[in-house]
Every structure is written in structure tokens, then in C-alpha cells.
Amino acid sequence: MILVGLVQMTTVFSYAKTSVSADKEKYANISPVGPLAGEALELGNQIVWENFIDEDVKFFVIQRSSDGQHFKHVAMVQKLDGQSNYSFLDKKAGNKQWFYRIMKVNQLGEGFFTESILLR
């Protein structure tokens, strides 16, 4: 099954280690990332996305959830200069249904989540 969608990201988390950024309920800028897509393969679940605005991206965090509510970090993908297309192969997905989302982390340590996609 392949799922594709244009998504927007909203700040809901901060990686910065300052007292100012301790407020994890802060909602801020919305920036586009997409299309977020995925495909269940024999080797695992393949997630692909495009970064349209990369001047402030430091890295991406791939998150996975079995229920679409409680997400856990699966991997981190470094931003590469000049690259806009990214992918991640989740080899530990098994034969289960998983929700995935991407968190883009900027130079200030602010995280921007995509909406989730479901792979079966």
C-alpha cells in the first residue's frame, strides 16, 4: 500500500536546551514539507519526503506509532546541503500496521511535526 499526501508541519516540541524553550505546548510557525509517502515492502516500510524549505533544517526525526497517538523515535536523518528528497527504510516494522510521521528540527532546536500516514 502506498500513501501520499502534502502535509504541513506545526511546532509542538523543542530540542533546545534553554529555559525559554521548555514550554513543549508552544505552537508556532507552519512550514510545508511533502509529499510524505510510504510503502510497505518485503524489507520493511519505506518512508519518503521532500523538504521544500531547507535553510533552517538541522535534521529529521522519523517517528512510529501502533495506535496513531503515541509516537516513538525510530531514527534520525541528517540534512544534507543541496538535497531536498529524503527516505528511510524501517527494517524493524515487521508484518504490522504502523503510523509514521516526520519531525523537522531547525537550527534553534524547534521541532515541526508532519501529519501521520498509515502503512499496512
N, C-alpha and C. Protein backbone atom coordinates (compact mmCIF):
# COMPACT_ATOMS: atom_id res chain seq x y z
N MET A 1 0.84 -1.17 0.00
CA MET A 1 0.00 0.00 0.00
C MET A 1 0.89 1.23 0.00
N ILE A 2 0.59 2.20 -0.86
CA ILE A 2 1.33 3.44 -0.92
C ILE A 2 0.40 4.57 -0.52
N LEU A 3 0.87 5.42 0.38
CA LEU A 3 0.11 6.59 0.81
C LEU A 3 0.94 7.82 0.52
N VAL A 4 0.29 8.84 -0.04
CA VAL A 4 0.99 10.07 -0.37
C VAL A 4 0.11 11.23 0.05
N GLY A 5 0.72 12.28 0.58
CA GLY A 5 -0.05 13.46 0.92
C GLY A 5 0.84 14.66 1.13
N LEU A 6 0.35 15.85 0.74
CA LEU A 6 1.06 17.09 1.01
C LEU A 6 0.72 17.47 2.44
N VAL A 7 1.71 17.75 3.23
CA VAL A 7 1.47 17.99 4.65
C VAL A 7 2.05 19.32 5.08
N GLN A 8 1.55 19.82 6.19
CA GLN A 8 2.13 20.99 6.81
C GLN A 8 2.67 20.56 8.15
N MET A 9 3.66 21.27 8.63
CA MET A 9 4.27 20.93 9.90
C MET A 9 3.99 22.03 10.90
N THR A 10 3.76 21.67 12.14
CA THR A 10 3.48 22.62 13.20
C THR A 10 4.46 22.39 14.34
N THR A 11 4.97 23.47 14.90
CA THR A 11 5.90 23.34 16.02
C THR A 11 5.15 22.82 17.24
N VAL A 12 5.58 21.71 17.78
CA VAL A 12 4.97 21.20 19.00
C VAL A 12 6.00 20.68 19.99
N PHE A 13 7.27 20.85 19.68
CA PHE A 13 8.30 20.32 20.56
C PHE A 13 9.56 21.13 20.38
N SER A 14 10.39 21.19 21.39
CA SER A 14 11.65 21.91 21.27
C SER A 14 12.79 21.05 21.78
N TYR A 15 13.84 20.95 20.98
CA TYR A 15 15.04 20.24 21.37
C TYR A 15 16.05 21.17 22.05
N ALA A 16 15.83 22.48 21.97
CA ALA A 16 16.78 23.44 22.53
C ALA A 16 16.90 23.25 24.04
N LYS A 17 18.09 23.42 24.57
CA LYS A 17 18.34 23.19 25.99
C LYS A 17 18.39 24.51 26.76
N THR A 18 17.36 25.32 26.60
CA THR A 18 17.28 26.58 27.34
C THR A 18 15.98 26.61 28.10
N SER A 19 15.93 27.44 29.13
CA SER A 19 14.70 27.54 29.92
C SER A 19 13.58 28.16 29.11
N VAL A 20 13.90 28.98 28.12
CA VAL A 20 12.88 29.61 27.29
C VAL A 20 12.13 28.58 26.46
N SER A 21 12.79 27.52 26.02
CA SER A 21 12.17 26.54 25.14
C SER A 21 11.57 25.35 25.90
N ALA A 22 11.48 25.44 27.20
CA ALA A 22 10.96 24.33 27.99
C ALA A 22 9.46 24.13 27.79
N ASP A 23 8.77 25.12 27.22
CA ASP A 23 7.33 25.03 27.00
C ASP A 23 7.04 24.16 25.80
N LYS A 24 6.73 22.88 26.01
CA LYS A 24 6.53 21.93 24.92
C LYS A 24 5.15 22.06 24.28
N GLU A 25 4.29 22.91 24.82
CA GLU A 25 2.97 23.13 24.22
C GLU A 25 2.96 24.35 23.33
N LYS A 26 4.11 24.92 23.04
CA LYS A 26 4.21 26.11 22.20
C LYS A 26 3.89 25.76 20.75
N TYR A 27 2.96 26.48 20.16
CA TYR A 27 2.65 26.31 18.74
C TYR A 27 3.13 27.54 18.01
N ALA A 28 3.86 27.33 16.92
CA ALA A 28 4.45 28.47 16.22
C ALA A 28 4.26 28.35 14.73
N ASN A 29 5.30 28.66 13.98
CA ASN A 29 5.26 28.71 12.52
C ASN A 29 4.82 27.40 11.89
N ILE A 30 4.17 27.52 10.76
CA ILE A 30 3.82 26.35 9.96
C ILE A 30 4.65 26.42 8.69
N SER A 31 5.31 25.33 8.34
CA SER A 31 6.12 25.30 7.13
C SER A 31 5.84 24.02 6.36
N PRO A 32 5.79 24.10 5.02
CA PRO A 32 5.44 22.93 4.23
C PRO A 32 6.57 21.92 4.08
N VAL A 33 6.21 20.68 4.14
CA VAL A 33 7.08 19.55 3.82
C VAL A 33 6.20 18.56 3.11
N GLY A 34 6.67 17.97 2.06
CA GLY A 34 5.84 17.00 1.40
C GLY A 34 6.36 16.71 0.01
N PRO A 35 5.79 15.80 -0.69
CA PRO A 35 4.76 14.90 -0.15
C PRO A 35 5.38 13.84 0.76
N LEU A 36 4.71 13.56 1.85
CA LEU A 36 5.09 12.47 2.74
C LEU A 36 4.44 11.22 2.17
N ALA A 37 5.23 10.21 1.91
CA ALA A 37 4.70 9.00 1.29
C ALA A 37 5.33 7.78 1.94
N GLY A 38 4.70 6.64 1.77
CA GLY A 38 5.24 5.41 2.31
C GLY A 38 4.75 4.21 1.55
N GLU A 39 5.52 3.13 1.68
CA GLU A 39 5.16 1.88 1.02
C GLU A 39 5.64 0.72 1.87
N ALA A 40 4.78 -0.26 2.08
CA ALA A 40 5.15 -1.48 2.79
C ALA A 40 5.85 -2.41 1.81
N LEU A 41 7.11 -2.73 2.08
CA LEU A 41 7.92 -3.59 1.22
C LEU A 41 8.30 -4.85 1.99
N GLU A 42 8.85 -5.82 1.30
CA GLU A 42 9.31 -7.05 1.97
C GLU A 42 10.42 -6.76 2.99
N LEU A 43 11.29 -5.81 2.68
CA LEU A 43 12.40 -5.48 3.57
C LEU A 43 11.99 -4.60 4.74
N GLY A 44 10.83 -3.96 4.67
CA GLY A 44 10.36 -3.04 5.71
C GLY A 44 9.52 -1.94 5.10
N ASN A 45 9.18 -0.96 5.91
CA ASN A 45 8.38 0.16 5.44
C ASN A 45 9.28 1.30 4.97
N GLN A 46 9.07 1.74 3.73
CA GLN A 46 9.85 2.81 3.13
C GLN A 46 9.07 4.11 3.27
N ILE A 47 9.70 5.11 3.91
CA ILE A 47 9.10 6.44 4.07
C ILE A 47 9.92 7.40 3.23
N VAL A 48 9.26 8.26 2.45
CA VAL A 48 9.95 9.26 1.65
C VAL A 48 9.27 10.61 1.85
N TRP A 49 10.06 11.67 1.80
CA TRP A 49 9.53 13.02 1.92
C TRP A 49 10.46 14.00 1.23
N GLU A 50 9.93 15.20 1.01
CA GLU A 50 10.70 16.25 0.36
C GLU A 50 10.72 17.45 1.29
N ASN A 51 11.86 18.08 1.39
CA ASN A 51 11.99 19.28 2.21
C ASN A 51 12.01 20.49 1.30
N PHE A 52 10.93 21.29 1.33
CA PHE A 52 10.83 22.46 0.46
C PHE A 52 11.61 23.65 0.99
N ILE A 53 11.71 23.78 2.31
CA ILE A 53 12.41 24.91 2.91
C ILE A 53 13.53 24.34 3.75
N ASP A 54 14.78 24.43 3.26
CA ASP A 54 15.84 23.75 4.00
C ASP A 54 16.86 24.69 4.62
N GLU A 55 16.63 25.99 4.57
CA GLU A 55 17.64 26.89 5.11
C GLU A 55 17.82 26.75 6.62
N ASP A 56 16.81 26.30 7.33
CA ASP A 56 16.93 26.21 8.78
C ASP A 56 16.84 24.78 9.32
N VAL A 57 16.87 23.79 8.46
CA VAL A 57 16.76 22.40 8.92
C VAL A 57 18.10 21.90 9.42
N LYS A 58 18.09 21.26 10.57
CA LYS A 58 19.31 20.64 11.10
C LYS A 58 19.26 19.13 10.88
N PHE A 59 18.11 18.50 11.20
CA PHE A 59 17.92 17.07 10.97
C PHE A 59 16.44 16.74 11.02
N PHE A 60 16.12 15.49 10.64
CA PHE A 60 14.75 14.97 10.66
C PHE A 60 14.70 13.79 11.63
N VAL A 61 13.58 13.65 12.33
CA VAL A 61 13.36 12.51 13.21
C VAL A 61 12.17 11.74 12.67
N ILE A 62 12.34 10.45 12.43
CA ILE A 62 11.24 9.59 11.98
C ILE A 62 10.63 8.98 13.23
N GLN A 63 9.31 9.09 13.33
CA GLN A 63 8.60 8.53 14.48
C GLN A 63 7.58 7.52 14.00
N ARG A 64 7.30 6.51 14.86
CA ARG A 64 6.39 5.42 14.52
C ARG A 64 5.44 5.20 15.70
N SER A 65 4.21 4.77 15.37
CA SER A 65 3.20 4.51 16.39
C SER A 65 2.30 3.37 15.94
N SER A 66 1.90 2.53 16.88
CA SER A 66 0.96 1.46 16.53
C SER A 66 -0.49 1.93 16.59
N ASP A 67 -0.76 3.02 17.34
CA ASP A 67 -2.13 3.49 17.51
C ASP A 67 -2.40 4.87 16.91
N GLY A 68 -1.40 5.53 16.37
CA GLY A 68 -1.58 6.86 15.78
C GLY A 68 -1.61 7.98 16.81
N GLN A 69 -1.42 7.65 18.07
CA GLN A 69 -1.46 8.63 19.15
C GLN A 69 -0.12 8.76 19.90
N HIS A 70 0.48 7.64 20.18
CA HIS A 70 1.70 7.60 20.99
C HIS A 70 2.88 7.22 20.10
N PHE A 71 3.64 8.23 19.71
CA PHE A 71 4.76 8.03 18.78
C PHE A 71 6.09 7.91 19.52
N LYS A 72 6.98 7.10 18.95
CA LYS A 72 8.33 6.94 19.48
C LYS A 72 9.33 7.18 18.35
N HIS A 73 10.50 7.72 18.71
CA HIS A 73 11.57 7.94 17.73
C HIS A 73 12.07 6.60 17.20
N VAL A 74 12.21 6.51 15.89
CA VAL A 74 12.74 5.32 15.25
C VAL A 74 14.15 5.60 14.71
N ALA A 75 14.33 6.78 14.14
CA ALA A 75 15.63 7.11 13.53
C ALA A 75 15.76 8.61 13.36
N MET A 76 17.01 9.02 13.10
CA MET A 76 17.30 10.41 12.79
C MET A 76 18.00 10.44 11.43
N VAL A 77 17.62 11.39 10.59
CA VAL A 77 18.23 11.56 9.27
C VAL A 77 18.81 12.96 9.22
N GLN A 78 20.12 13.05 8.97
CA GLN A 78 20.79 14.35 8.87
C GLN A 78 20.37 15.07 7.60
N LYS A 79 20.24 16.38 7.68
CA LYS A 79 20.00 17.20 6.50
C LYS A 79 21.30 17.30 5.71
N LEU A 80 21.21 17.13 4.41
CA LEU A 80 22.37 17.24 3.54
C LEU A 80 22.22 18.47 2.67
N ASP A 81 23.25 19.30 2.61
CA ASP A 81 23.20 20.50 1.79
C ASP A 81 22.91 20.17 0.33
N GLY A 82 21.98 20.90 -0.24
CA GLY A 82 21.63 20.72 -1.64
C GLY A 82 20.68 19.57 -1.91
N GLN A 83 20.30 18.83 -0.90
CA GLN A 83 19.39 17.69 -1.09
C GLN A 83 17.99 18.07 -0.60
N SER A 84 16.97 17.75 -1.39
CA SER A 84 15.60 18.03 -0.97
C SER A 84 14.77 16.76 -0.81
N ASN A 85 15.20 15.64 -1.39
CA ASN A 85 14.46 14.38 -1.27
C ASN A 85 15.15 13.47 -0.26
N TYR A 86 14.35 12.91 0.66
CA TYR A 86 14.87 12.07 1.72
C TYR A 86 14.05 10.78 1.82
N SER A 87 14.67 9.75 2.39
CA SER A 87 13.95 8.50 2.59
C SER A 87 14.51 7.77 3.81
N PHE A 88 13.71 6.84 4.33
CA PHE A 88 14.11 5.99 5.44
C PHE A 88 13.42 4.65 5.28
N LEU A 89 14.18 3.57 5.46
CA LEU A 89 13.63 2.22 5.41
C LEU A 89 13.58 1.67 6.83
N ASP A 90 12.37 1.42 7.33
CA ASP A 90 12.17 0.86 8.67
C ASP A 90 12.21 -0.67 8.57
N LYS A 91 13.39 -1.24 8.79
CA LYS A 91 13.57 -2.69 8.66
C LYS A 91 12.98 -3.46 9.84
N LYS A 92 12.61 -2.77 10.90
CA LYS A 92 12.05 -3.43 12.08
C LYS A 92 10.53 -3.32 12.14
N ALA A 93 9.89 -2.96 11.03
CA ALA A 93 8.44 -2.78 11.00
C ALA A 93 7.69 -4.09 11.16
N GLY A 94 8.27 -5.18 10.69
CA GLY A 94 7.59 -6.47 10.77
C GLY A 94 6.32 -6.48 9.92
N ASN A 95 5.46 -7.40 10.20
CA ASN A 95 4.21 -7.53 9.45
C ASN A 95 3.07 -6.91 10.26
N LYS A 96 3.24 -5.64 10.63
CA LYS A 96 2.26 -4.93 11.43
C LYS A 96 1.83 -3.65 10.75
N GLN A 97 0.76 -3.09 11.23
CA GLN A 97 0.29 -1.78 10.79
C GLN A 97 0.99 -0.71 11.63
N TRP A 98 1.56 0.31 10.98
CA TRP A 98 2.26 1.39 11.68
C TRP A 98 1.85 2.75 11.14
N PHE A 99 1.75 3.72 12.02
CA PHE A 99 1.62 5.12 11.66
C PHE A 99 3.02 5.72 11.70
N TYR A 100 3.31 6.60 10.76
CA TYR A 100 4.60 7.29 10.71
C TYR A 100 4.37 8.79 10.60
N ARG A 101 5.31 9.54 11.15
CA ARG A 101 5.35 10.98 10.93
C ARG A 101 6.81 11.41 11.00
N ILE A 102 7.08 12.59 10.45
CA ILE A 102 8.43 13.14 10.41
C ILE A 102 8.45 14.40 11.26
N MET A 103 9.52 14.57 11.99
CA MET A 103 9.72 15.83 12.72
C MET A 103 10.95 16.51 12.14
N LYS A 104 10.76 17.70 11.61
CA LYS A 104 11.86 18.51 11.10
C LYS A 104 12.35 19.38 12.26
N VAL A 105 13.63 19.32 12.56
CA VAL A 105 14.20 20.11 13.66
C VAL A 105 15.08 21.20 13.05
N ASN A 106 14.83 22.46 13.44
CA ASN A 106 15.59 23.57 12.88
C ASN A 106 16.83 23.88 13.70
N GLN A 107 17.57 24.90 13.29
CA GLN A 107 18.83 25.26 13.95
C GLN A 107 18.63 25.74 15.38
N LEU A 108 17.42 26.20 15.72
CA LEU A 108 17.12 26.65 17.08
C LEU A 108 16.67 25.51 17.99
N GLY A 109 16.53 24.31 17.40
CA GLY A 109 16.10 23.16 18.17
C GLY A 109 14.61 22.97 18.22
N GLU A 110 13.86 23.75 17.45
CA GLU A 110 12.40 23.61 17.42
C GLU A 110 12.01 22.49 16.47
N GLY A 111 11.06 21.66 16.88
CA GLY A 111 10.60 20.56 16.06
C GLY A 111 9.27 20.85 15.41
N PHE A 112 9.13 20.44 14.15
CA PHE A 112 7.91 20.63 13.38
C PHE A 112 7.42 19.27 12.91
N PHE A 113 6.25 18.82 13.37
CA PHE A 113 5.71 17.51 13.01
C PHE A 113 4.87 17.57 11.74
N THR A 114 4.94 16.50 10.95
CA THR A 114 4.00 16.34 9.85
C THR A 114 2.75 15.66 10.41
N GLU A 115 1.73 15.58 9.59
CA GLU A 115 0.61 14.70 9.90
C GLU A 115 1.10 13.28 9.70
N SER A 116 0.41 12.32 10.25
CA SER A 116 0.87 10.93 10.14
C SER A 116 0.28 10.24 8.92
N ILE A 117 0.97 9.19 8.46
CA ILE A 117 0.45 8.30 7.43
C ILE A 117 0.42 6.88 8.00
N LEU A 118 -0.45 6.06 7.47
CA LEU A 118 -0.61 4.68 7.93
C LEU A 118 -0.12 3.72 6.87
N LEU A 119 0.73 2.77 7.26
CA LEU A 119 1.19 1.72 6.36
C LEU A 119 0.79 0.38 6.93
N ARG A 120 0.30 -0.53 6.05
CA ARG A 120 -0.10 -1.88 6.45
C ARG A 120 0.63 -2.89 5.62
